[in-house]
Amino acid sequence: MTEQQTQSTGRVGQVKEITSLSNPVIKDIRALSMKKHRDETRTFLAEGLKLVIDALDLGWAIRTLIYAKGQRGKPQVEKIAALTVARGGLVLEVSDKVLTAITRRDNPQAVIAVFEQRVSTLETIALKPDATWVALDRVRDPGNLGTVIRTADAAGAAGVILIGDTVDPFSTEAVRATMGSIFAVPLVRASEAAFIAWAQKAGSLVVGSHLKGSVDYRTIDYGQRPVVLLMGNEQAGLTDALAGACGKLARIPQSGRADSLNLAIATGVMLYEARRHVLALGEAAP
C-alpha cells in the first residue's frame, strides 16, 4: 500500500463513513438477508477479517468492504481496504449500530464484506482420478449444508454438487457454518434429471447413502477413480430416480436406538472413508 493510498489519518482513501441505518447503501446490504435479493444481485455477505482476507487471496470479486470505526488504521484492515478500492469495490466505515443491524448479531464481527457469488454447472467438472465429489439432494437446513461444505474442504473433496431445490449456500446461516470454506470449495448446481444424465456419462462411481442400502460403506473399493458421494434430503432421503442412478447403495451400520444420523455427520463419515486412501496426517490431499 502506497502513501498515496493512505490519508494522514491512517485511513485508506475513498472510504465512505456511514452512521445511519436509512442510508440506501446500508439498506441494500441488509437486504442480502433475503434470498430474492441475493439472487437478483448475485452477491452474498461474509463475516470476519480472516474470511475476507482468504476470499481476496483466492481471487473472489469483492463488491463492498464494511468495517467498524474502531478498526481504522489497523494494518490488515487498511491492506484489504486498499485491495478493495484497487479492484473497484466500495469501502464503508460504519458505526457499531449499523454493523449490528447488517449482521443481526449483538456482537458482530468487526469486518464484513459483500462478494459476488460463484456457482458452476456440471459441464465445467473435469473429473480426475482420486477426485471425490459430494452431491446433495434437496438439503433443507443451511447449517447442514454449511457443515458439509466445511467438511468437504477439510477432506480435500473436489467440490459439492447441489441437486434440485437445495437450500441457498450463500444464505447467512450457511456461509457462517462453512467457517470460510465457502471460498475454497467449488459449488455446482444441477437439476435431478441433469445430474442423472451427467452421472451416467461421467464414468465415476456414484455411491448413494440409503437406509435400504445393502453395502456396508466401509467395504466399498473406491480405487483410483473419481467418486461421487450422493446424500439425500434430511427427511425423505434420496428419490427413487437418484437411488437408481447409483452404482452402489451404501449404509452406515448403527447399533443404538437412533434410526438415522444427522446429514452432515453421515456425509462426514462417508467422505472420510472414501478419502482414507489419500489422506494422512501432515500431508495435504491431492
Protein backbone atom coordinates (compact mmCIF):
# COMPACT_ATOMS: atom_id res chain seq x y z
CA MET A 1 0.00 0.00 0.00
CA THR A 2 1.49 3.36 -1.02
CA GLU A 3 1.41 6.67 0.82
CA GLN A 4 -0.96 7.97 -1.86
CA GLN A 5 -3.46 5.26 -0.88
CA THR A 6 -3.49 6.32 2.77
CA GLN A 7 -4.67 9.58 4.23
CA SER A 8 -2.92 11.33 7.11
CA THR A 9 -5.48 9.81 9.45
CA GLY A 10 -4.16 6.34 8.58
CA ARG A 11 -7.29 5.53 6.62
CA VAL A 12 -7.39 4.35 3.03
CA GLY A 13 -8.67 6.94 0.61
CA GLN A 14 -12.17 6.70 -0.90
CA VAL A 15 -13.68 5.43 2.34
CA LYS A 16 -17.26 6.43 2.97
CA GLU A 17 -18.38 6.93 6.57
CA ILE A 18 -21.93 5.83 7.39
CA THR A 19 -23.76 6.03 10.71
CA SER A 20 -27.39 5.99 9.57
CA LEU A 21 -29.47 2.85 9.07
CA SER A 22 -31.57 4.72 6.49
CA ASN A 23 -28.63 5.07 4.11
CA PRO A 24 -29.58 3.44 0.77
CA VAL A 25 -26.30 1.51 0.56
CA ILE A 26 -26.85 0.04 4.03
CA LYS A 27 -30.45 -0.84 3.17
CA ASP A 28 -29.20 -2.69 0.09
CA ILE A 29 -26.62 -4.64 2.11
CA ARG A 30 -29.17 -5.52 4.80
CA ALA A 31 -31.48 -6.85 2.08
CA LEU A 32 -28.92 -9.62 1.40
CA SER A 33 -30.56 -11.49 4.27
CA MET A 34 -33.30 -12.28 1.72
CA LYS A 35 -32.71 -14.92 -0.94
CA LYS A 36 -34.58 -12.90 -3.54
CA HIS A 37 -32.12 -10.03 -3.21
CA ARG A 38 -29.11 -12.34 -3.20
CA ASP A 39 -30.39 -13.97 -6.39
CA GLU A 40 -31.05 -10.64 -8.08
CA THR A 41 -27.65 -9.17 -7.24
CA ARG A 42 -25.72 -12.47 -7.38
CA THR A 43 -23.95 -11.40 -4.17
CA PHE A 44 -23.74 -12.50 -0.54
CA LEU A 45 -22.39 -11.38 2.81
CA ALA A 46 -19.36 -12.89 4.58
CA GLU A 47 -18.30 -12.03 8.12
CA GLY A 48 -14.87 -11.88 9.71
CA LEU A 49 -11.46 -10.44 8.89
CA LYS A 50 -9.82 -13.81 8.20
CA LEU A 51 -12.64 -14.88 5.86
CA VAL A 52 -12.39 -11.64 3.90
CA ILE A 53 -8.59 -11.94 3.63
CA ASP A 54 -8.87 -15.58 2.48
CA ALA A 55 -11.52 -14.69 -0.11
CA LEU A 56 -9.40 -11.89 -1.54
CA ASP A 57 -6.34 -14.15 -1.63
CA LEU A 58 -8.38 -16.72 -3.58
CA GLY A 59 -9.46 -14.13 -6.12
CA TRP A 60 -13.12 -13.70 -5.20
CA ALA A 61 -14.68 -10.50 -6.53
CA ILE A 62 -15.49 -8.08 -3.72
CA ARG A 63 -18.27 -5.52 -4.09
CA THR A 64 -18.18 -3.83 -0.67
CA LEU A 65 -15.93 -3.93 2.38
CA ILE A 66 -17.53 -2.82 5.65
CA TYR A 67 -15.61 -2.32 8.87
CA ALA A 68 -16.27 -0.86 12.32
CA LYS A 69 -14.92 2.60 13.04
CA GLY A 70 -12.64 1.14 15.71
CA GLN A 71 -10.76 -0.82 13.02
CA ARG A 72 -9.47 2.35 11.37
CA GLY A 73 -5.70 2.36 10.99
CA LYS A 74 -5.19 -1.36 11.68
CA PRO A 75 -2.67 -2.69 9.13
CA GLN A 76 -4.65 -5.72 7.94
CA VAL A 77 -7.84 -3.72 7.56
CA GLU A 78 -6.05 -0.93 5.71
CA LYS A 79 -4.47 -3.50 3.40
CA ILE A 80 -7.75 -5.15 2.41
CA ALA A 81 -9.39 -1.73 2.10
CA ALA A 82 -6.70 -0.73 -0.39
CA LEU A 83 -7.19 -4.00 -2.29
CA THR A 84 -10.96 -3.44 -2.38
CA VAL A 85 -10.54 0.04 -3.83
CA ALA A 86 -7.97 -1.24 -6.34
CA ARG A 87 -10.42 -3.90 -7.50
CA GLY A 88 -13.24 -1.40 -7.96
CA GLY A 89 -15.09 -2.11 -4.72
CA LEU A 90 -16.66 0.24 -2.20
CA VAL A 91 -15.22 0.68 1.34
CA LEU A 92 -17.51 1.68 4.19
CA GLU A 93 -16.56 2.70 7.71
CA VAL A 94 -19.67 2.26 9.86
CA SER A 95 -20.88 2.64 13.41
CA ASP A 96 -21.41 -0.33 15.69
CA LYS A 97 -25.16 0.24 15.40
CA VAL A 98 -25.00 -0.15 11.62
CA LEU A 99 -22.80 -3.24 11.84
CA THR A 100 -25.20 -4.86 14.31
CA ALA A 101 -28.16 -4.12 12.04
CA ILE A 102 -26.44 -5.61 8.97
CA THR A 103 -25.37 -8.84 10.69
CA ARG A 104 -28.37 -9.15 13.03
CA ARG A 105 -25.96 -10.01 15.83
CA ASP A 106 -25.40 -8.24 19.16
CA ASN A 107 -21.65 -8.88 18.95
CA PRO A 108 -20.91 -8.73 15.22
CA GLN A 109 -17.60 -9.29 13.50
CA ALA A 110 -15.73 -6.02 13.08
CA VAL A 111 -15.08 -6.66 9.37
CA ILE A 112 -17.62 -7.96 6.84
CA ALA A 113 -17.84 -7.87 3.07
CA VAL A 114 -20.15 -8.37 0.11
CA PHE A 115 -18.81 -10.78 -2.51
CA GLU A 116 -20.05 -11.94 -5.89
CA GLN A 117 -21.42 -15.49 -5.93
CA ARG A 118 -19.66 -18.34 -7.71
CA VAL A 119 -21.69 -21.32 -8.91
CA SER A 120 -20.76 -23.58 -11.82
CA THR A 121 -22.56 -26.15 -13.97
CA LEU A 122 -21.96 -29.87 -14.41
CA GLU A 123 -20.33 -29.23 -17.77
CA THR A 124 -17.43 -27.45 -16.05
CA ILE A 125 -16.47 -30.50 -13.95
CA ALA A 126 -13.29 -32.22 -15.06
CA LEU A 127 -13.22 -35.50 -13.18
CA LYS A 128 -9.74 -36.56 -12.11
CA PRO A 129 -8.54 -39.88 -10.65
CA ASP A 130 -8.86 -39.87 -6.86
CA ALA A 131 -11.25 -36.90 -7.00
CA THR A 132 -14.22 -37.11 -4.65
CA TRP A 133 -17.32 -35.01 -5.18
CA VAL A 134 -20.20 -34.67 -2.74
CA ALA A 135 -23.70 -34.42 -4.25
CA LEU A 136 -26.60 -33.28 -2.09
CA ASP A 137 -30.25 -33.88 -2.92
CA ARG A 138 -32.71 -31.20 -1.72
CA VAL A 139 -30.92 -30.36 1.54
CA ARG A 140 -33.15 -28.06 3.58
CA ASP A 141 -31.06 -27.00 6.55
CA PRO A 142 -28.48 -24.24 5.92
CA GLY A 143 -26.43 -25.38 8.92
CA ASN A 144 -26.20 -28.88 7.45
CA LEU A 145 -25.17 -27.52 4.07
CA GLY A 146 -22.54 -25.22 5.52
CA THR A 147 -21.10 -28.02 7.65
CA VAL A 148 -20.92 -30.34 4.63
CA ILE A 149 -19.04 -27.68 2.65
CA ARG A 150 -16.62 -27.21 5.54
CA THR A 151 -16.12 -30.97 5.84
CA ALA A 152 -15.62 -31.31 2.09
CA ASP A 153 -12.88 -28.69 2.33
CA ALA A 154 -11.18 -30.46 5.25
CA ALA A 155 -11.26 -33.84 3.50
CA GLY A 156 -9.92 -32.48 0.22
CA ALA A 157 -13.08 -33.12 -1.78
CA ALA A 158 -13.14 -31.65 -5.28
CA GLY A 159 -16.44 -29.85 -4.76
CA VAL A 160 -20.12 -30.02 -3.82
CA ILE A 161 -22.99 -30.55 -6.26
CA LEU A 162 -26.34 -29.10 -5.20
CA ILE A 163 -29.23 -31.04 -6.72
CA GLY A 164 -32.74 -29.75 -7.11
CA ASP A 165 -34.26 -27.45 -4.51
CA THR A 166 -31.29 -27.42 -2.16
CA VAL A 167 -31.08 -24.53 0.30
CA ASP A 168 -29.09 -21.47 -0.76
CA PRO A 169 -25.38 -21.97 0.07
CA PHE A 170 -24.98 -18.18 0.19
CA SER A 171 -27.51 -17.61 2.96
CA THR A 172 -26.02 -16.03 6.07
CA GLU A 173 -26.57 -19.21 8.11
CA ALA A 174 -24.93 -21.47 5.53
CA VAL A 175 -21.95 -19.16 4.98
CA ARG A 176 -21.37 -18.91 8.74
CA ALA A 177 -21.46 -22.70 9.06
CA THR A 178 -18.78 -23.11 6.38
CA MET A 179 -16.30 -21.14 8.52
CA GLY A 180 -14.73 -19.76 5.36
CA SER A 181 -14.76 -22.96 3.30
CA ILE A 182 -17.39 -21.38 1.02
CA PHE A 183 -14.43 -19.68 -0.65
CA ALA A 184 -12.37 -22.85 -1.08
CA VAL A 185 -14.89 -25.44 -2.29
CA PRO A 186 -16.30 -25.28 -5.84
CA LEU A 187 -20.10 -25.36 -5.94
CA VAL A 188 -22.19 -26.76 -8.79
CA ARG A 189 -25.97 -26.56 -9.23
CA ALA A 190 -27.98 -29.08 -11.23
CA SER A 191 -31.49 -30.41 -11.65
CA GLU A 192 -32.16 -34.03 -10.74
CA ALA A 193 -32.54 -35.00 -14.40
CA ALA A 194 -29.34 -33.22 -15.40
CA PHE A 195 -27.38 -34.86 -12.59
CA ILE A 196 -28.61 -38.35 -13.53
CA ALA A 197 -27.72 -37.80 -17.19
CA TRP A 198 -24.27 -36.49 -16.21
CA ALA A 199 -23.63 -39.35 -13.79
CA GLN A 200 -24.42 -41.92 -16.46
CA LYS A 201 -21.83 -40.44 -18.81
CA ALA A 202 -19.17 -39.20 -16.40
CA GLY A 203 -17.51 -42.55 -15.69
CA SER A 204 -17.41 -42.01 -11.93
CA LEU A 205 -18.51 -44.36 -9.16
CA VAL A 206 -21.70 -42.94 -7.67
CA VAL A 207 -22.23 -44.12 -4.11
CA GLY A 208 -25.56 -43.23 -2.56
CA SER A 209 -26.31 -43.24 1.15
CA HIS A 210 -29.58 -45.11 1.63
CA LEU A 211 -31.34 -46.77 4.58
CA LYS A 212 -32.10 -49.69 2.26
CA GLY A 213 -28.50 -49.92 1.12
CA SER A 214 -27.17 -53.46 1.09
CA VAL A 215 -23.48 -52.48 1.18
CA ASP A 216 -21.51 -51.51 4.29
CA TYR A 217 -19.89 -48.16 3.42
CA ARG A 218 -16.56 -49.46 4.79
CA THR A 219 -16.37 -52.35 2.33
CA ILE A 220 -16.52 -50.30 -0.87
CA ASP A 221 -13.42 -50.37 -3.05
CA TYR A 222 -13.08 -46.77 -4.14
CA GLY A 223 -9.86 -47.47 -6.04
CA GLN A 224 -8.10 -44.97 -8.28
CA ARG A 225 -11.21 -43.49 -9.88
CA PRO A 226 -13.47 -40.48 -9.46
CA VAL A 227 -16.17 -40.92 -6.83
CA VAL A 228 -19.42 -39.06 -6.25
CA LEU A 229 -20.98 -39.47 -2.80
CA LEU A 230 -24.70 -38.85 -3.14
CA MET A 231 -26.55 -37.84 0.03
CA GLY A 232 -30.31 -37.40 0.30
CA ASN A 233 -32.76 -34.99 1.86
CA GLU A 234 -32.80 -34.88 5.68
CA GLN A 235 -36.32 -36.32 5.98
CA ALA A 236 -37.01 -38.20 2.75
CA GLY A 237 -33.55 -39.40 1.72
CA LEU A 238 -32.80 -39.94 -1.96
CA THR A 239 -35.52 -40.00 -4.57
CA ASP A 240 -36.07 -43.33 -6.31
CA ALA A 241 -34.63 -41.88 -9.52
CA LEU A 242 -31.43 -40.77 -7.83
CA ALA A 243 -31.09 -44.05 -5.96
CA GLY A 244 -31.42 -45.85 -9.28
CA ALA A 245 -28.54 -43.79 -10.71
CA CYS A 246 -26.12 -45.06 -8.06
CA GLY A 247 -23.54 -47.71 -8.76
CA LYS A 248 -23.77 -48.71 -5.10
CA LEU A 249 -26.21 -48.00 -2.30
CA ALA A 250 -24.37 -47.92 1.00
CA ARG A 251 -25.41 -47.82 4.61
CA ILE A 252 -23.64 -46.80 7.81
CA PRO A 253 -24.12 -49.53 10.46
CA GLN A 254 -25.87 -48.41 13.65
CA SER A 255 -26.43 -50.27 16.89
CA GLY A 256 -28.12 -47.71 19.15
CA ARG A 257 -31.71 -46.58 19.39
CA ALA A 258 -31.31 -43.77 16.87
CA ASP A 259 -32.67 -44.79 13.49
CA SER A 260 -30.61 -42.29 11.48
CA LEU A 261 -27.68 -39.90 11.55
CA ASN A 262 -27.65 -36.17 11.01
CA LEU A 263 -27.00 -35.47 7.32
CA ALA A 264 -23.78 -33.53 7.90
CA ILE A 265 -22.44 -36.24 10.24
CA ALA A 266 -23.32 -39.03 7.81
CA THR A 267 -21.68 -37.15 4.95
CA GLY A 268 -18.53 -36.66 7.01
CA VAL A 269 -18.35 -40.35 7.92
CA MET A 270 -18.72 -41.49 4.31
CA LEU A 271 -16.47 -38.78 2.90
CA TYR A 272 -13.54 -39.58 5.16
CA GLU A 273 -13.86 -43.27 4.36
CA ALA A 274 -13.88 -42.50 0.64
CA ARG A 275 -10.81 -40.27 1.06
CA ARG A 276 -8.98 -42.53 3.54
CA HIS A 277 -6.56 -43.90 0.95
CA VAL A 278 -5.30 -40.41 0.06
CA LEU A 279 -5.34 -38.76 3.49
CA ALA A 280 -2.54 -38.86 6.03
CA LEU A 281 -1.53 -36.70 8.99
CA GLY A 282 0.78 -33.92 7.92
CA GLU A 283 0.04 -34.35 4.23
CA ALA A 284 -2.21 -32.28 2.00
CA ALA A 285 -4.79 -34.06 -0.10
CA PRO A 286 -4.10 -34.05 -3.85
